[in-house]
C-alpha atoms as a PDB file:
ATOM      1  CA  MET A   1     -12.540  10.503 -70.137  1.00  0.00           C
ATOM      2  CA  ASN A   2      -9.204  10.970 -70.918  1.00  0.00           C
ATOM      3  CA  LYS A   3      -6.165   8.480 -70.458  1.00  0.00           C
ATOM      4  CA  LYS A   4      -5.310   8.876 -67.303  1.00  0.00           C
ATOM      5  CA  GLN A   5      -8.792   8.674 -65.741  1.00  0.00           C
ATOM      6  CA  LEU A   6      -9.654   5.559 -68.422  1.00  0.00           C
ATOM      7  CA  LEU A   7      -6.182   3.995 -66.765  1.00  0.00           C
ATOM      8  CA  ASP A   8      -7.241   4.635 -63.349  1.00  0.00           C
ATOM      9  CA  ARG A   9     -10.448   3.201 -63.412  1.00  0.00           C
ATOM     10  CA  PHE A  10      -9.381   0.063 -65.074  1.00  0.00           C
ATOM     11  CA  THR A  11      -6.865  -0.568 -62.655  1.00  0.00           C
ATOM     12  CA  GLN A  12      -9.484  -0.305 -59.470  1.00  0.00           C
ATOM     13  CA  GLU A  13     -11.606  -2.415 -61.824  1.00  0.00           C
ATOM     14  CA  LEU A  14      -9.217  -5.188 -62.332  1.00  0.00           C
ATOM     15  CA  ARG A  15      -7.438  -4.093 -58.297  1.00  0.00           C
ATOM     16  CA  ILE A  16      -3.818  -4.138 -60.068  1.00  0.00           C
ATOM     17  CA  ASP A  17      -1.205  -1.785 -59.924  1.00  0.00           C
ATOM     18  CA  ILE A  18       0.365  -0.655 -62.890  1.00  0.00           C
ATOM     19  CA  GLN A  19       4.659   0.623 -62.116  1.00  0.00           C
ATOM     20  CA  ILE A  20       6.525   2.533 -64.615  1.00  0.00           C
ATOM     21  CA  GLN A  21       9.932   3.424 -64.282  1.00  0.00           C
ATOM     22  CA  VAL A  22      11.407   7.111 -66.162  1.00  0.00           C
ATOM     23  CA  ASP A  23      15.108   7.422 -66.855  1.00  0.00           C
ATOM     24  CA  ALA A  24      14.974  11.458 -66.881  1.00  0.00           C
ATOM     25  CA  SER A  25      16.714  14.553 -66.384  1.00  0.00           C
ATOM     26  CA  PRO A  26      16.372  16.558 -63.267  1.00  0.00           C
ATOM     27  CA  MET A  27      14.756  19.250 -65.396  1.00  0.00           C
ATOM     28  CA  SER A  28      11.848  17.253 -65.895  1.00  0.00           C
ATOM     29  CA  ARG A  29      11.060  16.213 -62.506  1.00  0.00           C
ATOM     30  CA  PRO A  30       8.239  18.709 -62.058  1.00  0.00           C
ATOM     31  CA  ILE A  31       6.845  18.009 -64.947  1.00  0.00           C
ATOM     32  CA  LEU A  32       6.432  14.008 -64.172  1.00  0.00           C
ATOM     33  CA  GLU A  33       5.438  15.001 -60.756  1.00  0.00           C
ATOM     34  CA  LYS A  34       2.764  17.012 -62.124  1.00  0.00           C
ATOM     35  CA  LYS A  35       1.409  14.109 -64.112  1.00  0.00           C
ATOM     36  CA  GLY A  36       1.492  12.271 -60.928  1.00  0.00           C
ATOM     37  CA  PHE A  37       4.774  10.002 -60.691  1.00  0.00           C
ATOM     38  CA  GLN A  38       6.523   9.354 -57.673  1.00  0.00           C
ATOM     39  CA  PHE A  39      10.168   9.767 -56.921  1.00  0.00           C
ATOM     40  CA  LEU A  40      11.972   7.014 -55.659  1.00  0.00           C
ATOM     41  CA  SER A  41      15.783   7.156 -56.534  1.00  0.00           C
ATOM     42  CA  CYS A  42      18.436   8.755 -58.674  1.00  0.00           C
ATOM     43  CA  SER A  43      20.359   6.924 -61.444  1.00  0.00           C
ATOM     44  CA  TYR A  44      23.956   7.278 -62.256  1.00  0.00           C
ATOM     45  CA  PRO A  45      25.831   6.669 -65.832  1.00  0.00           C
ATOM     46  CA  CYS A  46      28.414   4.844 -65.992  1.00  0.00           C
ATOM     47  CA  MET A  47      31.117   4.373 -68.669  1.00  0.00           C
ATOM     48  CA  MET A  48      33.103   0.882 -68.921  1.00  0.00           C
ATOM     49  CA  THR A  49      36.536   0.857 -69.530  1.00  0.00           C
ATOM     50  CA  ASP A  50      39.056  -1.471 -70.574  1.00  0.00           C
END
């Protein structure tokens, strides 16, 4: 049993959801989606100026 299967089984038994937030480049999106992540929104970097 791999780590994902173990985590899935654990969360099913406890009936809880685990949410993870990832801030990654657009190039990483296909990789994360293959791992089961779901795209929700974009983030934009901001710079503070005086």
